[in-house]
C-alpha cells in the first residue's frame, strides 16, 4: 500500500477512536491529501474503494462539522469537495461551546453532591474546563496572527 493510502486508512482508524465514523475519517484523510481542486464523490469512492453511499455519508458528516466544503469547478457537473480553510480553528471553537456544558455539569454535580461525597473530581473538572475556556481565546488570536504572518 502506498503512503497516501496508508495515511488515509490511519486517519480513518484514529478518528474512529475519537468518535468519528471511520468512513468520515477516511474521507477526511483523502481530502487532506487531495490536489488543490479537491475530489468529487466518485473520485473519493474509487480512491477509498468504498460505496458512493458511504462516501456520501462521510461527506455530509464532515460538511455538517464544518471541516469540508463544496469546491465547484466551472464547467464540471460533479461537485468537488475540499478541506475548508480555517477548519481546525472553527472545529475547536465548536468544541469549546461543548466544553461549557461540562463546566455546568460539574457545577450541578457539586450542588447535588450527597453528604460524604468527594467533591475533588467535580472541582477538578470545573477548574480544568474553566481554565481552558479562559485561555483559548488568546490561543485562537495567536493562531490568527500567525496565519496572517505566514500568508
N, C-alpha and C. Protein backbone atom coordinates (compact mmCIF):
# COMPACT_ATOMS: atom_id res chain seq x y z
N UNK A 1 0.86 -1.18 0.00
CA UNK A 1 0.00 0.00 0.00
C UNK A 1 0.89 1.23 0.00
N UNK A 2 0.57 2.22 -0.85
CA UNK A 2 1.43 3.40 -0.89
C UNK A 2 1.13 4.34 0.28
N UNK A 3 2.03 5.31 0.51
CA UNK A 3 1.96 6.16 1.69
C UNK A 3 0.66 6.95 1.81
N UNK A 4 0.16 7.59 0.73
CA UNK A 4 -1.11 8.31 0.90
C UNK A 4 -2.25 7.39 1.34
N UNK A 5 -2.33 6.19 0.79
CA UNK A 5 -3.39 5.27 1.19
C UNK A 5 -3.22 4.81 2.63
N UNK A 6 -1.98 4.62 3.05
CA UNK A 6 -1.73 4.26 4.45
C UNK A 6 -2.17 5.39 5.38
N UNK A 7 -1.86 6.62 4.97
CA UNK A 7 -2.28 7.78 5.76
C UNK A 7 -3.81 7.85 5.85
N UNK A 8 -4.48 7.64 4.73
CA UNK A 8 -5.94 7.70 4.69
C UNK A 8 -6.54 6.64 5.62
N UNK A 9 -6.02 5.43 5.56
CA UNK A 9 -6.54 4.36 6.43
C UNK A 9 -6.25 4.68 7.89
N UNK A 10 -5.08 5.21 8.16
CA UNK A 10 -4.72 5.57 9.54
C UNK A 10 -5.63 6.68 10.04
N UNK A 11 -5.93 7.65 9.19
CA UNK A 11 -6.85 8.72 9.58
C UNK A 11 -8.21 8.14 9.95
N UNK A 12 -8.69 7.19 9.16
CA UNK A 12 -9.97 6.56 9.46
C UNK A 12 -9.96 5.87 10.81
N UNK A 13 -8.91 5.12 11.09
CA UNK A 13 -8.82 4.38 12.35
C UNK A 13 -8.68 5.34 13.53
N UNK A 14 -7.78 6.31 13.43
CA UNK A 14 -7.54 7.22 14.55
C UNK A 14 -8.75 8.10 14.84
N UNK A 15 -9.39 8.59 13.79
CA UNK A 15 -10.56 9.44 14.02
C UNK A 15 -11.74 8.62 14.52
N UNK A 16 -11.80 7.35 14.15
CA UNK A 16 -12.83 6.47 14.70
C UNK A 16 -12.62 6.32 16.21
N UNK A 17 -11.37 6.28 16.63
CA UNK A 17 -11.05 6.12 18.05
C UNK A 17 -11.53 7.32 18.88
N UNK A 18 -11.70 8.48 18.25
CA UNK A 18 -12.19 9.64 18.99
C UNK A 18 -13.66 9.94 18.69
N UNK A 19 -14.35 8.96 18.10
CA UNK A 19 -15.79 9.07 17.96
C UNK A 19 -16.34 9.39 16.59
N UNK A 20 -15.50 9.55 15.60
CA UNK A 20 -15.97 9.84 14.25
C UNK A 20 -16.18 8.53 13.50
N UNK A 21 -17.21 8.44 12.67
CA UNK A 21 -17.34 7.24 11.85
C UNK A 21 -16.08 7.03 11.00
N UNK A 22 -15.67 5.79 10.84
CA UNK A 22 -14.44 5.51 10.11
C UNK A 22 -14.48 6.07 8.69
N UNK A 23 -15.63 5.96 8.01
CA UNK A 23 -15.69 6.46 6.64
C UNK A 23 -15.46 7.96 6.61
N UNK A 24 -15.94 8.68 7.60
CA UNK A 24 -15.71 10.13 7.66
C UNK A 24 -14.22 10.41 7.83
N UNK A 25 -13.56 9.64 8.68
CA UNK A 25 -12.12 9.81 8.86
C UNK A 25 -11.34 9.50 7.60
N UNK A 26 -11.77 8.46 6.89
CA UNK A 26 -11.09 8.10 5.64
C UNK A 26 -11.30 9.19 4.58
N UNK A 27 -12.53 9.70 4.49
CA UNK A 27 -12.81 10.77 3.53
C UNK A 27 -11.98 12.00 3.88
N UNK A 28 -11.92 12.35 5.16
CA UNK A 28 -11.12 13.50 5.57
C UNK A 28 -9.64 13.26 5.24
N UNK A 29 -9.15 12.06 5.52
CA UNK A 29 -7.77 11.74 5.18
C UNK A 29 -7.50 11.92 3.69
N UNK A 30 -8.44 11.47 2.87
CA UNK A 30 -8.28 11.61 1.41
C UNK A 30 -8.29 13.08 1.00
N UNK A 31 -9.16 13.87 1.62
CA UNK A 31 -9.23 15.28 1.26
C UNK A 31 -8.02 16.06 1.77
N UNK A 32 -7.43 15.60 2.86
CA UNK A 32 -6.20 16.24 3.34
C UNK A 32 -5.04 16.02 2.38
N UNK A 33 -5.10 14.95 1.59
CA UNK A 33 -4.06 14.63 0.61
C UNK A 33 -4.45 15.04 -0.82
N UNK A 34 -5.61 15.66 -0.96
CA UNK A 34 -6.15 15.95 -2.29
C UNK A 34 -5.40 17.06 -3.00
N UNK A 35 -5.52 17.09 -4.32
CA UNK A 35 -4.97 18.24 -5.06
C UNK A 35 -5.76 19.50 -4.69
N UNK A 36 -5.25 20.68 -5.03
CA UNK A 36 -5.91 21.93 -4.62
C UNK A 36 -7.40 22.01 -5.00
N UNK A 37 -7.80 21.40 -6.09
CA UNK A 37 -9.21 21.45 -6.51
C UNK A 37 -10.11 20.49 -5.75
N UNK A 38 -9.53 19.65 -4.88
CA UNK A 38 -10.33 18.70 -4.12
C UNK A 38 -10.65 17.45 -4.93
N UNK A 39 -11.65 16.71 -4.48
CA UNK A 39 -12.09 15.48 -5.12
C UNK A 39 -13.60 15.48 -5.28
N UNK A 40 -14.08 14.77 -6.28
CA UNK A 40 -15.51 14.52 -6.41
C UNK A 40 -15.86 13.30 -5.56
N UNK A 41 -17.14 13.10 -5.33
CA UNK A 41 -17.58 11.92 -4.59
C UNK A 41 -17.17 10.65 -5.33
N UNK A 42 -17.27 10.67 -6.64
CA UNK A 42 -16.89 9.50 -7.44
C UNK A 42 -15.40 9.21 -7.30
N UNK A 43 -14.58 10.25 -7.34
CA UNK A 43 -13.14 10.06 -7.17
C UNK A 43 -12.83 9.50 -5.79
N UNK A 44 -13.50 10.02 -4.78
CA UNK A 44 -13.29 9.52 -3.42
C UNK A 44 -13.72 8.06 -3.30
N UNK A 45 -14.85 7.73 -3.90
CA UNK A 45 -15.34 6.36 -3.86
C UNK A 45 -14.33 5.41 -4.48
N UNK A 46 -13.78 5.80 -5.61
CA UNK A 46 -12.78 4.98 -6.29
C UNK A 46 -11.50 4.87 -5.46
N UNK A 47 -11.02 6.00 -4.97
CA UNK A 47 -9.79 6.03 -4.20
C UNK A 47 -9.91 5.19 -2.93
N UNK A 48 -11.05 5.32 -2.25
CA UNK A 48 -11.25 4.62 -0.98
C UNK A 48 -11.78 3.20 -1.15
N UNK A 49 -12.12 2.86 -2.39
CA UNK A 49 -12.74 1.56 -2.67
C UNK A 49 -13.93 1.35 -1.74
N UNK A 50 -14.78 2.36 -1.74
CA UNK A 50 -15.94 2.38 -0.86
C UNK A 50 -17.17 2.75 -1.69
N UNK A 51 -18.34 2.42 -1.18
CA UNK A 51 -19.56 2.72 -1.91
C UNK A 51 -19.79 4.23 -1.97
N UNK A 52 -20.51 4.65 -3.00
CA UNK A 52 -20.86 6.07 -3.13
C UNK A 52 -21.71 6.50 -1.94
N UNK A 53 -22.59 5.61 -1.47
CA UNK A 53 -23.45 5.94 -0.33
C UNK A 53 -22.60 6.19 0.92
N UNK A 54 -21.62 5.33 1.16
CA UNK A 54 -20.75 5.51 2.32
C UNK A 54 -19.96 6.79 2.23
N UNK A 55 -19.41 7.07 1.06
CA UNK A 55 -18.66 8.30 0.86
C UNK A 55 -19.58 9.50 1.04
N UNK A 56 -20.81 9.40 0.51
CA UNK A 56 -21.78 10.48 0.66
C UNK A 56 -22.08 10.76 2.12
N UNK A 57 -22.20 9.70 2.91
CA UNK A 57 -22.43 9.86 4.35
C UNK A 57 -21.26 10.58 5.00
N UNK A 58 -20.04 10.17 4.65
CA UNK A 58 -18.85 10.83 5.19
C UNK A 58 -18.78 12.29 4.79
N UNK A 59 -19.08 12.58 3.53
CA UNK A 59 -19.06 13.97 3.05
C UNK A 59 -20.09 14.82 3.80
N UNK A 60 -21.27 14.27 3.98
CA UNK A 60 -22.32 15.02 4.69
C UNK A 60 -21.90 15.28 6.14
N UNK A 61 -21.37 14.27 6.80
CA UNK A 61 -20.93 14.41 8.19
C UNK A 61 -19.85 15.48 8.31
N UNK A 62 -18.85 15.43 7.45
CA UNK A 62 -17.74 16.39 7.51
C UNK A 62 -18.19 17.80 7.15
N UNK A 63 -19.16 17.92 6.24
CA UNK A 63 -19.71 19.22 5.88
C UNK A 63 -20.45 19.82 7.07
N UNK A 64 -21.27 19.00 7.73
CA UNK A 64 -22.02 19.48 8.90
C UNK A 64 -21.09 19.87 10.03
N UNK A 65 -19.96 19.19 10.16
CA UNK A 65 -18.98 19.53 11.19
C UNK A 65 -18.23 20.82 10.85
N UNK A 66 -18.31 21.27 9.61
CA UNK A 66 -17.61 22.48 9.18
C UNK A 66 -16.18 22.24 8.77
N UNK A 67 -15.81 20.96 8.54
CA UNK A 67 -14.43 20.65 8.16
C UNK A 67 -14.19 20.72 6.66
N UNK A 68 -15.23 20.45 5.87
CA UNK A 68 -15.05 20.47 4.42
C UNK A 68 -16.12 21.35 3.80
N UNK A 69 -15.90 21.67 2.52
CA UNK A 69 -16.86 22.49 1.79
C UNK A 69 -16.92 22.05 0.34
N UNK A 70 -18.00 22.45 -0.33
CA UNK A 70 -18.11 22.23 -1.77
C UNK A 70 -17.10 23.12 -2.46
N UNK A 71 -16.46 22.59 -3.47
CA UNK A 71 -15.47 23.35 -4.23
C UNK A 71 -15.82 23.21 -5.71
N UNK A 72 -16.85 23.92 -6.16
CA UNK A 72 -17.28 23.76 -7.55
C UNK A 72 -16.17 24.14 -8.53
N UNK A 73 -16.13 23.41 -9.61
CA UNK A 73 -15.15 23.65 -10.66
C UNK A 73 -15.94 24.05 -11.91
N UNK A 74 -15.79 25.28 -12.38
CA UNK A 74 -16.57 25.72 -13.54
C UNK A 74 -16.44 24.75 -14.71
N UNK A 75 -17.57 24.41 -15.29
CA UNK A 75 -17.59 23.51 -16.43
C UNK A 75 -17.68 22.05 -16.04
N UNK A 76 -17.61 21.76 -14.78
CA UNK A 76 -17.69 20.38 -14.32
C UNK A 76 -19.02 20.19 -13.61
N UNK A 77 -19.72 19.12 -13.94
CA UNK A 77 -21.05 18.90 -13.37
C UNK A 77 -21.00 18.40 -11.93
N UNK A 78 -20.04 17.57 -11.61
CA UNK A 78 -19.96 16.99 -10.27
C UNK A 78 -19.35 17.98 -9.29
N UNK A 79 -19.91 18.02 -8.09
CA UNK A 79 -19.33 18.85 -7.04
C UNK A 79 -18.00 18.28 -6.60
N UNK A 80 -17.10 19.17 -6.30
CA UNK A 80 -15.84 18.78 -5.70
C UNK A 80 -15.88 19.20 -4.24
N UNK A 81 -15.10 18.52 -3.44
CA UNK A 81 -15.03 18.83 -2.02
C UNK A 81 -13.58 19.03 -1.63
N UNK A 82 -13.37 19.91 -0.67
CA UNK A 82 -12.02 20.17 -0.16
C UNK A 82 -12.12 20.51 1.33
N UNK A 83 -10.99 20.46 1.99
CA UNK A 83 -10.93 20.86 3.40
C UNK A 83 -11.17 22.36 3.43
N UNK A 84 -12.04 22.77 4.31
CA UNK A 84 -12.44 24.17 4.42
C UNK A 84 -11.32 24.99 5.06
N UNK A 85 -10.99 26.14 4.51
CA UNK A 85 -9.99 27.00 5.16
C UNK A 85 -10.45 27.33 6.59
N UNK A 86 -9.52 27.37 7.50
CA UNK A 86 -9.76 27.68 8.91
C UNK A 86 -10.60 26.61 9.61
N UNK A 87 -10.65 25.41 9.04
CA UNK A 87 -11.49 24.34 9.59
C UNK A 87 -11.11 23.98 11.01
N UNK A 88 -9.83 23.97 11.31
CA UNK A 88 -9.39 23.48 12.62
C UNK A 88 -9.76 24.44 13.73
N UNK A 89 -9.59 25.74 13.49
CA UNK A 89 -9.99 26.72 14.49
C UNK A 89 -11.50 26.69 14.69
N UNK A 90 -12.24 26.57 13.60
CA UNK A 90 -13.71 26.51 13.69
C UNK A 90 -14.14 25.29 14.48
N UNK A 91 -13.55 24.15 14.19
CA UNK A 91 -13.90 22.92 14.90
C UNK A 91 -13.61 23.05 16.39
N UNK A 92 -12.47 23.63 16.72
CA UNK A 92 -12.11 23.79 18.12
C UNK A 92 -13.03 24.77 18.82
N UNK A 93 -13.42 25.84 18.13
CA UNK A 93 -14.37 26.78 18.72
C UNK A 93 -15.70 26.09 19.02
N UNK A 94 -16.15 25.25 18.10
CA UNK A 94 -17.39 24.49 18.34
C UNK A 94 -17.22 23.58 19.54
N UNK A 95 -16.07 22.94 19.63
CA UNK A 95 -15.80 22.06 20.76
C UNK A 95 -15.80 22.81 22.07
N UNK A 96 -15.31 24.03 22.06
CA UNK A 96 -15.29 24.83 23.28
C UNK A 96 -16.70 25.13 23.78
N UNK A 97 -17.63 25.34 22.86
CA UNK A 97 -19.01 25.56 23.28
C UNK A 97 -19.54 24.32 24.00
N UNK A 98 -19.09 23.15 23.56
CA UNK A 98 -19.50 21.91 24.23
C UNK A 98 -18.83 21.80 25.59
N UNK A 99 -17.62 22.31 25.72
CA UNK A 99 -16.92 22.23 27.00
C UNK A 99 -17.60 23.06 28.07
N UNK A 100 -18.26 24.13 27.67
CA UNK A 100 -19.02 24.92 28.62
C UNK A 100 -20.11 24.06 29.28
N UNK A 101 -20.64 23.11 28.53
CA UNK A 101 -21.62 22.17 29.08
C UNK A 101 -21.00 21.35 30.21
N UNK A 102 -19.74 20.98 30.06
CA UNK A 102 -19.07 20.20 31.10
C UNK A 102 -18.84 21.03 32.36
N UNK A 103 -18.59 22.33 32.20
CA UNK A 103 -18.45 23.20 33.37
C UNK A 103 -19.79 23.24 34.11
N UNK A 104 -20.86 23.43 33.37
CA UNK A 104 -22.19 23.48 34.01
C UNK A 104 -22.51 22.15 34.69
N UNK A 105 -22.14 21.03 34.05
CA UNK A 105 -22.39 19.72 34.64
C UNK A 105 -21.63 19.56 35.96
N UNK A 106 -20.38 19.99 35.97
CA UNK A 106 -19.58 19.91 37.20
C UNK A 106 -20.21 20.76 38.30
N UNK A 107 -20.66 21.96 37.94
CA UNK A 107 -21.31 22.82 38.93
C UNK A 107 -22.59 22.17 39.47
N UNK A 108 -23.37 21.57 38.59
CA UNK A 108 -24.58 20.87 39.02
C UNK A 108 -24.23 19.70 39.93
N UNK A 109 -23.18 18.97 39.58
CA UNK A 109 -22.75 17.85 40.40
C UNK A 109 -22.33 18.28 41.79
N UNK A 110 -21.61 19.41 41.87
CA UNK A 110 -21.21 19.93 43.17
C UNK A 110 -22.42 20.32 44.01
N UNK A 111 -23.41 20.94 43.36
CA UNK A 111 -24.62 21.34 44.08
C UNK A 111 -25.42 20.12 44.55
N UNK A 112 -25.35 19.03 43.80
CA UNK A 112 -26.13 17.83 44.13
C UNK A 112 -25.34 16.80 44.92
N UNK A 113 -24.09 17.10 45.24
CA UNK A 113 -23.22 16.14 45.92
C UNK A 113 -23.82 15.73 47.27
N UNK A 114 -23.99 14.44 47.50
CA UNK A 114 -24.55 13.99 48.77
C UNK A 114 -23.54 14.16 49.91
N UNK A 115 -24.03 14.20 51.13
CA UNK A 115 -23.11 14.28 52.28
C UNK A 115 -22.09 13.13 52.22
N UNK A 116 -20.84 13.46 52.39
CA UNK A 116 -19.79 12.45 52.35
C UNK A 116 -19.24 12.20 50.95
N UNK A 117 -19.88 12.79 49.94
CA UNK A 117 -19.39 12.63 48.56
C UNK A 117 -18.10 13.41 48.37
N UNK A 118 -17.23 12.92 47.51
CA UNK A 118 -15.93 13.55 47.27
C UNK A 118 -16.10 14.64 46.21
N UNK A 119 -15.94 15.91 46.56
CA UNK A 119 -16.07 16.98 45.59
C UNK A 119 -14.84 17.14 44.68
N UNK A 120 -13.76 16.46 45.00
CA UNK A 120 -12.50 16.63 44.26
C UNK A 120 -12.61 16.45 42.76
N UNK A 121 -13.16 15.32 42.27
CA UNK A 121 -13.24 15.15 40.82
C UNK A 121 -14.08 16.23 40.12
N UNK A 122 -15.19 16.63 40.76
CA UNK A 122 -16.04 17.66 40.15
C UNK A 122 -15.36 19.02 40.16
N UNK A 123 -14.66 19.33 41.25
CA UNK A 123 -13.92 20.61 41.31
C UNK A 123 -12.82 20.64 40.25
N UNK A 124 -12.11 19.52 40.11
CA UNK A 124 -11.04 19.44 39.10
C UNK A 124 -11.61 19.62 37.70
N UNK A 125 -12.73 18.94 37.43
CA UNK A 125 -13.37 19.04 36.12
C UNK A 125 -13.75 20.49 35.81
N UNK A 126 -14.42 21.14 36.77
CA UNK A 126 -14.84 22.53 36.57
C UNK A 126 -13.64 23.45 36.40
N UNK A 127 -12.62 23.29 37.24
CA UNK A 127 -11.45 24.17 37.17
C UNK A 127 -10.70 23.99 35.85
N UNK A 128 -10.53 22.74 35.42
CA UNK A 128 -9.81 22.47 34.17
C UNK A 128 -10.51 23.14 32.99
N UNK A 129 -11.81 22.91 32.86
CA UNK A 129 -12.51 23.45 31.70
C UNK A 129 -12.70 24.96 31.79
N UNK A 130 -12.83 25.51 32.98
CA UNK A 130 -12.88 26.98 33.10
C UNK A 130 -11.56 27.59 32.63
N UNK A 131 -10.44 26.99 33.04
CA UNK A 131 -9.14 27.49 32.61
C UNK A 131 -9.00 27.39 31.09
N UNK A 132 -9.35 26.24 30.54
CA UNK A 132 -9.27 26.06 29.09
C UNK A 132 -10.10 27.11 28.37
N UNK A 133 -11.33 27.31 28.81
CA UNK A 133 -12.21 28.26 28.15
C UNK A 133 -11.72 29.70 28.32
N UNK A 134 -11.03 29.98 29.42
CA UNK A 134 -10.47 31.32 29.62
C UNK A 134 -9.24 31.55 28.74
N UNK A 135 -8.40 30.52 28.57
CA UNK A 135 -7.17 30.67 27.81
C UNK A 135 -7.36 30.54 26.29
N UNK A 136 -8.36 29.80 25.87
CA UNK A 136 -8.50 29.52 24.45
C UNK A 136 -8.61 30.76 23.57
N UNK A 137 -9.35 31.80 23.95
CA UNK A 137 -9.42 32.96 23.06
C UNK A 137 -8.05 33.55 22.72
N UNK A 138 -7.12 33.55 23.67
CA UNK A 138 -5.78 34.08 23.36
C UNK A 138 -5.02 33.13 22.43
N UNK A 139 -5.22 31.83 22.60
CA UNK A 139 -4.59 30.86 21.69
C UNK A 139 -5.14 31.06 20.28
N UNK A 140 -6.45 31.22 20.16
CA UNK A 140 -7.07 31.43 18.86
C UNK A 140 -6.59 32.73 18.21
N UNK A 141 -6.49 33.79 18.99
CA UNK A 141 -5.99 35.06 18.46
C UNK A 141 -4.55 34.91 17.97
N UNK A 142 -3.73 34.20 18.73
CA UNK A 142 -2.34 33.95 18.32
C UNK A 142 -2.30 33.15 17.02
N UNK A 143 -3.18 32.16 16.90
CA UNK A 143 -3.26 31.36 15.67
C UNK A 143 -3.58 32.25 14.48
N UNK A 144 -4.56 33.13 14.63
CA UNK A 144 -4.94 34.00 13.51
C UNK A 144 -3.79 34.96 13.15
N UNK A 145 -3.08 35.46 14.16
CA UNK A 145 -1.92 36.33 13.87
C UNK A 145 -0.85 35.54 13.10
N UNK A 146 -0.54 34.34 13.58
CA UNK A 146 0.48 33.52 12.92
C UNK A 146 0.07 33.18 11.50
N UNK A 147 -1.20 32.90 11.30
CA UNK A 147 -1.68 32.57 9.97
C UNK A 147 -1.56 33.75 9.02
N UNK A 148 -1.89 34.95 9.52
CA UNK A 148 -1.76 36.15 8.70
C UNK A 148 -0.30 36.42 8.33
N UNK A 149 0.60 36.20 9.28
CA UNK A 149 2.02 36.44 9.02
C UNK A 149 2.60 35.47 8.00
N UNK A 150 2.03 34.26 7.93
CA UNK A 150 2.58 33.26 7.01
C UNK A 150 2.03 33.43 5.59
N UNK A 151 1.02 34.27 5.42
CA UNK A 151 0.47 34.46 4.05
C UNK A 151 0.94 35.73 3.42
